[in-house]
PDB file of N, CA and C in Angstrom:
ATOM      1  N   MET A   1      23.416  -8.134  -9.708  1.00  0.00           N
ATOM      2  CA  MET A   1      22.394  -8.282 -10.607  1.00  0.00           C
ATOM      3  C   MET A   1      21.272  -8.635  -9.541  1.00  0.00           C
ATOM      4  N   PHE A   2      21.072  -9.368  -8.931  1.00  0.00           N
ATOM      5  CA  PHE A   2      20.165  -9.633  -7.193  1.00  0.00           C
ATOM      6  C   PHE A   2      19.690  -8.796  -7.059  1.00  0.00           C
ATOM      7  N   GLU A   3      20.773  -8.144  -6.169  1.00  0.00           N
ATOM      8  CA  GLU A   3      20.843  -6.929  -5.411  1.00  0.00           C
ATOM      9  C   GLU A   3      19.856  -5.557  -5.913  1.00  0.00           C
ATOM     10  N   ALA A   4      20.008  -5.397  -7.202  1.00  0.00           N
ATOM     11  CA  ALA A   4      20.007  -4.216  -7.684  1.00  0.00           C
ATOM     12  C   ALA A   4      17.955  -3.946  -7.774  1.00  0.00           C
ATOM     13  N   VAL A   5      17.643  -5.370  -7.891  1.00  0.00           N
ATOM     14  CA  VAL A   5      16.631  -5.822  -8.706  1.00  0.00           C
ATOM     15  C   VAL A   5      15.876  -5.820  -7.629  1.00  0.00           C
ATOM     16  N   ARG A   6      16.497  -6.379  -6.532  1.00  0.00           N
ATOM     17  CA  ARG A   6      15.460  -6.210  -4.795  1.00  0.00           C
ATOM     18  C   ARG A   6      16.014  -4.347  -4.241  1.00  0.00           C
ATOM     19  N   TRP A   7      16.479  -3.425  -4.616  1.00  0.00           N
ATOM     20  CA  TRP A   7      16.457  -2.267  -3.833  1.00  0.00           C
ATOM     21  C   TRP A   7      15.408  -2.089  -4.567  1.00  0.00           C
ATOM     22  N   SER A   8      15.575  -1.917  -6.224  1.00  0.00           N
ATOM     23  CA  SER A   8      14.919  -1.423  -7.425  1.00  0.00           C
ATOM     24  C   SER A   8      13.048  -1.760  -6.852  1.00  0.00           C
ATOM     25  N   THR A   9      12.857  -3.011  -6.280  1.00  0.00           N
ATOM     26  CA  THR A   9      11.537  -3.196  -6.164  1.00  0.00           C
ATOM     27  C   THR A   9      11.047  -2.367  -4.910  1.00  0.00           C
ATOM     28  N   PHE A  10      12.516  -2.465  -4.479  1.00  0.00           N
ATOM     29  CA  PHE A  10      11.838  -1.577  -2.454  1.00  0.00           C
ATOM     30  C   PHE A  10      12.060  -0.278  -2.684  1.00  0.00           C
ATOM     31  N   ALA A  11      12.451   0.605  -3.463  1.00  0.00           N
ATOM     32  CA  ALA A  11      12.284   1.817  -4.065  1.00  0.00           C
ATOM     33  C   ALA A  11      10.992   1.588  -4.929  1.00  0.00           C
ATOM     34  N   ALA A  12      10.664   1.346  -5.823  1.00  0.00           N
ATOM     35  CA  ALA A  12       9.275   1.602  -6.407  1.00  0.00           C
ATOM     36  C   ALA A  12       7.880   1.329  -5.176  1.00  0.00           C
ATOM     37  N   THR A  13       8.529  -0.115  -4.075  1.00  0.00           N
ATOM     38  CA  THR A  13       6.772  -0.003  -3.232  1.00  0.00           C
ATOM     39  C   THR A  13       7.201   1.208  -2.685  1.00  0.00           C
ATOM     40  N   ALA A  14       7.827   1.519  -2.524  1.00  0.00           N
ATOM     41  CA  ALA A  14       8.195   2.368  -0.916  1.00  0.00           C
ATOM     42  C   ALA A  14       7.693   3.726  -2.330  1.00  0.00           C
ATOM     43  N   VAL A  15       7.734   4.810  -3.258  1.00  0.00           N
ATOM     44  CA  VAL A  15       7.575   5.654  -3.394  1.00  0.00           C
ATOM     45  C   VAL A  15       5.800   5.190  -3.757  1.00  0.00           C
ATOM     46  N   LEU A  16       5.374   4.436  -4.200  1.00  0.00           N
ATOM     47  CA  LEU A  16       3.856   4.085  -4.782  1.00  0.00           C
ATOM     48  C   LEU A  16       3.320   4.214  -2.886  1.00  0.00           C
ATOM     49  N   ALA A  17       3.816   3.478  -2.162  1.00  0.00           N
ATOM     50  CA  ALA A  17       3.057   2.946  -1.028  1.00  0.00           C
ATOM     51  C   ALA A  17       2.458   4.563  -0.324  1.00  0.00           C
ATOM     52  N   VAL A  18       3.787   5.531  -0.065  1.00  0.00           N
ATOM     53  CA  VAL A  18       4.054   6.417   0.693  1.00  0.00           C
ATOM     54  C   VAL A  18       3.064   8.090  -0.275  1.00  0.00           C
ATOM     55  N   PHE A  19       4.188   7.957  -1.514  1.00  0.00           N
ATOM     56  CA  PHE A  19       3.373   8.888  -2.283  1.00  0.00           C
ATOM     57  C   PHE A  19       2.461   9.320  -2.826  1.00  0.00           C
ATOM     58  N   GLY A  20       1.717   8.035  -3.404  1.00  0.00           N
ATOM     59  CA  GLY A  20       0.553   7.410  -4.485  1.00  0.00           C
ATOM     60  C   GLY A  20      -0.263   7.437  -3.490  1.00  0.00           C
ATOM     61  N   TYR A  21      -1.033   7.124  -1.990  1.00  0.00           N
ATOM     62  CA  TYR A  21      -1.901   6.546  -1.754  1.00  0.00           C
ATOM     63  C   TYR A  21      -1.691   7.279  -0.615  1.00  0.00           C
ATOM     64  N   SER A  22      -0.760   8.025  -0.148  1.00  0.00           N
ATOM     65  CA  SER A  22      -0.547   9.363   0.449  1.00  0.00           C
ATOM     66  C   SER A  22      -1.654  10.585  -0.123  1.00  0.00           C
ATOM     67  N   ASP A  23      -1.599  10.885  -1.347  1.00  0.00           N
ATOM     68  CA  ASP A  23      -2.051  11.494  -1.929  1.00  0.00           C
ATOM     69  C   ASP A  23      -3.408  11.369  -2.362  1.00  0.00           C
ATOM     70  N   GLN A  24      -3.689  10.123  -2.183  1.00  0.00           N
ATOM     71  CA  GLN A  24      -5.275   9.571  -2.234  1.00  0.00           C
ATOM     72  C   GLN A  24      -6.087   9.773  -1.040  1.00  0.00           C
ATOM     73  N   LEU A  25      -5.908  10.056  -0.968  1.00  0.00           N
ATOM     74  CA  LEU A  25      -6.176   9.916   1.212  1.00  0.00           C
ATOM     75  C   LEU A  25      -6.226  11.638   1.218  1.00  0.00           C
ATOM     76  N   ARG A  26      -5.786  12.147   1.054  1.00  0.00           N
ATOM     77  CA  ARG A  26      -5.240  14.113   1.115  1.00  0.00           C
ATOM     78  C   ARG A  26      -6.707  14.075   0.309  1.00  0.00           C
ATOM     79  N   LEU A  27      -7.106  13.700  -1.048  1.00  0.00           N
ATOM     80  CA  LEU A  27      -8.158  13.798  -2.280  1.00  0.00           C
ATOM     81  C   LEU A  27      -9.447  13.602  -1.321  1.00  0.00           C
ATOM     82  N   ILE A  28      -9.693  11.839  -0.409  1.00  0.00           N
ATOM     83  CA  ILE A  28     -10.678  11.753  -0.306  1.00  0.00           C
ATOM     84  C   ILE A  28     -10.864  12.638   1.053  1.00  0.00           C
ATOM     85  N   TYR A  29     -10.359  12.672   2.216  1.00  0.00           N
ATOM     86  CA  TYR A  29     -10.600  13.954   2.868  1.00  0.00           C
ATOM     87  C   TYR A  29     -10.419  15.455   2.769  1.00  0.00           C
ATOM     88  N   GLU A  30     -10.391  15.808   1.610  1.00  0.00           N
ATOM     89  CA  GLU A  30     -10.872  17.134   1.090  1.00  0.00           C
ATOM     90  C   GLU A  30     -12.161  17.105   0.881  1.00  0.00           C
ATOM     91  N   ASN A  31     -12.278  16.155  -0.267  1.00  0.00           N
ATOM     92  CA  ASN A  31     -13.846  15.913  -0.730  1.00  0.00           C
ATOM     93  C   ASN A  31     -14.976  15.021  -0.279  1.00  0.00           C
ATOM     94  N   LYS A  32     -13.958  14.978   0.991  1.00  0.00           N
ATOM     95  CA  LYS A  32     -14.932  13.720   2.349  1.00  0.00           C
ATOM     96  C   LYS A  32     -15.810  12.585   1.101  1.00  0.00           C
ATOM     97  N   SER A  33     -15.265  12.576   0.352  1.00  0.00           N
ATOM     98  CA  SER A  33     -15.804  11.394  -0.321  1.00  0.00           C
ATOM     99  C   SER A  33     -15.071   9.904  -0.499  1.00  0.00           C
ATOM    100  N   THR A  34     -15.141   9.043  -1.514  1.00  0.00           N
ATOM    101  CA  THR A  34     -14.413   8.162  -2.119  1.00  0.00           C
ATOM    102  C   THR A  34     -15.134   7.641  -3.096  1.00  0.00           C
ATOM    103  N   SER A  35     -15.801   8.449  -4.286  1.00  0.00           N
ATOM    104  CA  SER A  35     -16.962   8.081  -4.582  1.00  0.00           C
ATOM    105  C   SER A  35     -15.817   7.999  -6.046  1.00  0.00           C
ATOM    106  N   GLY A  36     -15.579   7.490  -6.785  1.00  0.00           N
ATOM    107  CA  GLY A  36     -14.861   7.021  -7.664  1.00  0.00           C
ATOM    108  C   GLY A  36     -14.073   6.244  -6.849  1.00  0.00           C
ATOM    109  N   LEU A  37     -13.405   5.371  -6.610  1.00  0.00           N
ATOM    110  CA  LEU A  37     -12.611   4.800  -6.077  1.00  0.00           C
ATOM    111  C   LEU A  37     -14.105   3.778  -5.914  1.00  0.00           C
ATOM    112  N   SER A  38     -13.308   2.100  -6.716  1.00  0.00           N
ATOM    113  CA  SER A  38     -13.813   0.765  -6.271  1.00  0.00           C
ATOM    114  C   SER A  38     -13.757  -0.085  -5.141  1.00  0.00           C
ATOM    115  N   LEU A  39     -14.371   0.041  -4.163  1.00  0.00           N
ATOM    116  CA  LEU A  39     -14.173  -0.873  -3.121  1.00  0.00           C
ATOM    117  C   LEU A  39     -13.194  -2.664  -3.428  1.00  0.00           C
ATOM    118  N   VAL A  40     -13.975  -3.041  -4.687  1.00  0.00           N
ATOM    119  CA  VAL A  40     -13.435  -4.068  -4.790  1.00  0.00           C
ATOM    120  C   VAL A  40     -11.179  -4.347  -5.266  1.00  0.00           C
ATOM    121  N   MET A  41     -11.213  -3.327  -5.631  1.00  0.00           N
ATOM    122  CA  MET A  41      -9.809  -2.295  -5.538  1.00  0.00           C
ATOM    123  C   MET A  41      -9.597  -2.852  -5.046  1.00  0.00           C
ATOM    124  N   ILE A  42      -9.821  -2.172  -3.975  1.00  0.00           N
ATOM    125  CA  ILE A  42      -8.688  -1.426  -2.808  1.00  0.00           C
ATOM    126  C   ILE A  42      -9.115  -3.177  -1.772  1.00  0.00           C
ATOM    127  N   LEU A  43     -10.014  -3.558  -2.199  1.00  0.00           N
ATOM    128  CA  LEU A  43      -9.743  -5.185  -0.895  1.00  0.00           C
ATOM    129  C   LEU A  43      -8.310  -6.031  -1.979  1.00  0.00           C
ATOM    130  N   LEU A  44      -8.966  -5.818  -3.180  1.00  0.00           N
ATOM    131  CA  LEU A  44      -7.636  -6.114  -3.969  1.00  0.00           C
ATOM    132  C   LEU A  44      -5.742  -6.688  -3.296  1.00  0.00           C
ATOM    133  N   ALA A  45      -6.132  -5.066  -3.775  1.00  0.00           N
ATOM    134  CA  ALA A  45      -5.169  -4.274  -2.832  1.00  0.00           C
ATOM    135  C   ALA A  45      -4.533  -4.671  -2.118  1.00  0.00           C
ATOM    136  N   LEU A  46      -5.090  -4.041  -0.354  1.00  0.00           N
ATOM    137  CA  LEU A  46      -4.799  -4.988   0.114  1.00  0.00           C
ATOM    138  C   LEU A  46      -4.288  -6.380   1.240  1.00  0.00           C
ATOM    139  N   TRP A  47      -5.586  -7.231   0.347  1.00  0.00           N
ATOM    140  CA  TRP A  47      -5.002  -8.754  -0.070  1.00  0.00           C
ATOM    141  C   TRP A  47      -3.203  -8.354  -0.388  1.00  0.00           C
ATOM    142  N   SER A  48      -3.086  -7.888  -1.484  1.00  0.00           N
ATOM    143  CA  SER A  48      -1.809  -8.323  -2.359  1.00  0.00           C
ATOM    144  C   SER A  48      -0.657  -7.887  -1.325  1.00  0.00           C
ATOM    145  N   TRP A  49      -0.952  -6.345  -0.982  1.00  0.00           N
ATOM    146  CA  TRP A  49      -0.054  -5.866   0.071  1.00  0.00           C
ATOM    147  C   TRP A  49      -0.052  -6.756   1.076  1.00  0.00           C
ATOM    148  N   LEU A  50      -0.790  -7.282   1.311  1.00  0.00           N
ATOM    149  CA  LEU A  50      -0.887  -8.210   3.522  1.00  0.00           C
ATOM    150  C   LEU A  50       0.081  -9.318   2.718  1.00  0.00           C
ATOM    151  N   SER A  51      -0.125 -10.030   1.664  1.00  0.00           N
ATOM    152  CA  SER A  51       0.663 -10.997   1.128  1.00  0.00           C
ATOM    153  C   SER A  51       2.390 -11.136   0.769  1.00  0.00           C
ATOM    154  N   TYR A  52       2.459  -9.311   0.098  1.00  0.00           N
ATOM    155  CA  TYR A  52       3.488  -9.465   0.540  1.00  0.00           C
ATOM    156  C   TYR A  52       4.109  -9.154   2.064  1.00  0.00           C
ATOM    157  N   THR A  53       3.738  -8.285   2.513  1.00  0.00           N
ATOM    158  CA  THR A  53       3.976  -8.147   4.068  1.00  0.00           C
ATOM    159  C   THR A  53       4.904  -9.948   4.416  1.00  0.00           C
ATOM    160  N   PHE A  54       3.452 -10.333   4.577  1.00  0.00           N
ATOM    161  CA  PHE A  54       3.598 -11.455   5.223  1.00  0.00           C
ATOM    162  C   PHE A  54       4.887 -12.752   4.594  1.00  0.00           C
ATOM    163  N   TYR A  55       4.606 -12.472   3.301  1.00  0.00           N
ATOM    164  CA  TYR A  55       5.990 -13.211   2.470  1.00  0.00           C
ATOM    165  C   TYR A  55       7.616 -12.782   2.683  1.00  0.00           C
ATOM    166  N   GLY A  56       7.287 -11.092   3.317  1.00  0.00           N
ATOM    167  CA  GLY A  56       8.908 -10.909   3.787  1.00  0.00           C
ATOM    168  C   GLY A  56       9.126 -11.145   5.270  1.00  0.00           C
ATOM    169  N   TRP A  57       7.734 -11.244   5.594  1.00  0.00           N
ATOM    170  CA  TRP A  57       8.198 -11.592   7.456  1.00  0.00           C
ATOM    171  C   TRP A  57       8.725 -12.642   7.164  1.00  0.00           C
ATOM    172  N   LEU A  58       7.392 -14.153   6.619  1.00  0.00           N
ATOM    173  CA  LEU A  58       8.517 -15.178   6.438  1.00  0.00           C
ATOM    174  C   LEU A  58       9.860 -15.552   5.496  1.00  0.00           C
ATOM    175  N   HIS A  59      10.279 -14.872   5.452  1.00  0.00           N
ATOM    176  CA  HIS A  59      11.884 -14.957   4.569  1.00  0.00           C
ATOM    177  C   HIS A  59      12.443 -14.171   5.313  1.00  0.00           C
ATOM    178  N   GLY A  60      12.474 -13.470   6.031  1.00  0.00           N
ATOM    179  CA  GLY A  60      12.959 -12.276   7.338  1.00  0.00           C
ATOM    180  C   GLY A  60      13.494 -10.912   5.761  1.00  0.00           C
ATOM    181  N   ASP A  61      12.973 -10.872   4.651  1.00  0.00           N
ATOM    182  CA  ASP A  61      13.794 -10.211   4.412  1.00  0.00           C
ATOM    183  C   ASP A  61      13.135  -8.635   4.509  1.00  0.00           C
ATOM    184  N   LYS A  62      14.082  -7.835   4.570  1.00  0.00           N
ATOM    185  CA  LYS A  62      13.352  -6.615   4.835  1.00  0.00           C
ATOM    186  C   LYS A  62      13.142  -5.321   4.407  1.00  0.00           C
ATOM    187  N   LYS A  63      14.352  -5.594   2.805  1.00  0.00           N
ATOM    188  CA  LYS A  63      13.181  -4.476   2.192  1.00  0.00           C
ATOM    189  C   LYS A  63      12.253  -5.080   1.075  1.00  0.00           C
ATOM    190  N   ILE A  64      11.742  -6.223   1.504  1.00  0.00           N
ATOM    191  CA  ILE A  64      10.188  -6.956   0.761  1.00  0.00           C
ATOM    192  C   ILE A  64       9.207  -6.306   2.047  1.00  0.00           C
ATOM    193  N   PHE A  65       9.795  -6.006   2.917  1.00  0.00           N
ATOM    194  CA  PHE A  65       8.349  -6.330   4.575  1.00  0.00           C
ATOM    195  C   PHE A  65       7.859  -4.825   4.678  1.00  0.00           C
ATOM    196  N   TRP A  66       9.100  -3.888   4.972  1.00  0.00           N
ATOM    197  CA  TRP A  66       9.255  -2.965   5.644  1.00  0.00           C
ATOM    198  C   TRP A  66       8.374  -1.485   4.368  1.00  0.00           C
ATOM    199  N   PRO A  67       8.665  -2.081   3.038  1.00  0.00           N
ATOM    200  CA  PRO A  67       7.251  -1.262   2.088  1.00  0.00           C
ATOM    201  C   PRO A  67       6.205  -1.703   1.541  1.00  0.00           C
ATOM    202  N   ASN A  68       6.156  -2.786   2.283  1.00  0.00           N
ATOM    203  CA  ASN A  68       4.556  -3.314   1.630  1.00  0.00           C
ATOM    204  C   ASN A  68       4.143  -3.192   3.446  1.00  0.00           C
ATOM    205  N   LEU A  69       4.672  -3.540   4.584  1.00  0.00           N
ATOM    206  CA  LEU A  69       4.154  -2.754   5.573  1.00  0.00           C
ATOM    207  C   LEU A  69       3.215  -0.824   5.367  1.00  0.00           C
ATOM    208  N   VAL A  70       4.529  -0.430   4.868  1.00  0.00           N
ATOM    209  CA  VAL A  70       3.559   0.645   4.890  1.00  0.00           C
ATOM    210  C   VAL A  70       2.534   1.172   3.195  1.00  0.00           C
ATOM    211  N   GLY A  71       2.786  -0.307   2.680  1.00  0.00           N
ATOM    212  CA  GLY A  71       1.654  -0.314   1.740  1.00  0.00           C
ATOM    213  C   GLY A  71       0.581  -0.363   2.466  1.00  0.00           C
ATOM    214  N   THR A  72       0.414  -1.468   2.978  1.00  0.00           N
ATOM    215  CA  THR A  72      -0.419  -2.040   4.065  1.00  0.00           C
ATOM    216  C   THR A  72      -1.538  -1.803   4.828  1.00  0.00           C
ATOM    217  N   ILE A  73      -0.215  -0.621   5.593  1.00  0.00           N
ATOM    218  CA  ILE A  73      -0.527   0.538   6.526  1.00  0.00           C
ATOM    219  C   ILE A  73      -1.838   2.174   5.942  1.00  0.00           C
ATOM    220  N   PHE A  74      -1.359   2.075   4.336  1.00  0.00           N
ATOM    221  CA  PHE A  74      -1.662   3.274   3.351  1.00  0.00           C
ATOM    222  C   PHE A  74      -3.568   2.612   2.906  1.00  0.00           C
ATOM    223  N   ILE A  75      -3.226   1.099   2.139  1.00  0.00           N
ATOM    224  CA  ILE A  75      -4.015   1.199   1.666  1.00  0.00           C
ATOM    225  C   ILE A  75      -5.755   0.562   2.651  1.00  0.00           C
ATOM    226  N   SER A  76      -4.802   0.238   4.371  1.00  0.00           N
ATOM    227  CA  SER A  76      -5.437   0.305   4.777  1.00  0.00           C
ATOM    228  C   SER A  76      -6.598   1.695   6.087  1.00  0.00           C
ATOM    229  N   LEU A  77      -6.259   2.435   5.816  1.00  0.00           N
ATOM    230  CA  LEU A  77      -6.623   3.729   6.119  1.00  0.00           C
ATOM    231  C   LEU A  77      -7.476   3.709   5.075  1.00  0.00           C
ATOM    232  N   ILE A  78      -6.946   3.480   3.648  1.00  0.00           N
ATOM    233  CA  ILE A  78      -8.272   4.082   2.313  1.00  0.00           C
ATOM    234  C   ILE A  78      -9.832   3.394   2.743  1.00  0.00           C
ATOM    235  N   LEU A  79      -9.471   1.958   2.872  1.00  0.00           N
ATOM    236  CA  LEU A  79     -10.000   1.579   3.286  1.00  0.00           C
ATOM    237  C   LEU A  79     -11.070   1.717   4.395  1.00  0.00           C
ATOM    238  N   ILE A  80     -10.527   2.378   5.281  1.00  0.00           N
ATOM    239  CA  ILE A  80     -11.593   2.759   6.258  1.00  0.00           C
ATOM    240  C   ILE A  80     -12.127   3.805   6.477  1.00  0.00           C
ATOM    241  N   SER A  81     -11.717   4.441   5.154  1.00  0.00           N
ATOM    242  CA  SER A  81     -12.470   5.484   4.683  1.00  0.00           C
ATOM    243  C   SER A  81     -13.693   5.587   4.306  1.00  0.00           C
ATOM    244  N   PHE A  82     -13.397   4.581   2.931  1.00  0.00           N
ATOM    245  CA  PHE A  82     -15.034   3.862   2.720  1.00  0.00           C
ATOM    246  C   PHE A  82     -15.766   3.940   3.755  1.00  0.00           C
ATOM    247  N   LEU A  83     -16.317   3.529   4.806  1.00  0.00           N
ATOM    248  CA  LEU A  83     -16.468   4.095   6.303  1.00  0.00           C
ATOM    249  C   LEU A  83     -17.125   4.684   6.526  1.00  0.00           C
ATOM    250  N   ILE A  84     -16.313   5.703   6.641  1.00  0.00           N
ATOM    251  CA  ILE A  84     -16.545   6.956   7.124  1.00  0.00           C
ATOM    252  C   ILE A  84     -17.025   7.760   6.131  1.00  0.00           C
ATOM    253  N   TYR A  85     -16.112   7.638   4.633  1.00  0.00           N
ATOM    254  CA  TYR A  85     -17.711   8.165   3.474  1.00  0.00           C
ATOM    255  C   TYR A  85     -18.505   7.170   3.320  1.00  0.00           C
TER     256      TYR A  85
END
């Protein structure tokens, strides 16, 4: 049962990171604006993604580490877009 929960967490995290944030990046690029986004929420999300990435790395858990690393990269790109736009 524990392994099923780990796979479910892996899949949900990967889907959010890849599809959710990539669509947000597309909208930012098309509109050349980050209006409507909360900088505080992006910073909190970055902290959360970094924390889980570090946790996965410390525990050697690839199912936690890799999707959270991807999420950290995507949320970092969104944060960088605040500086650009």
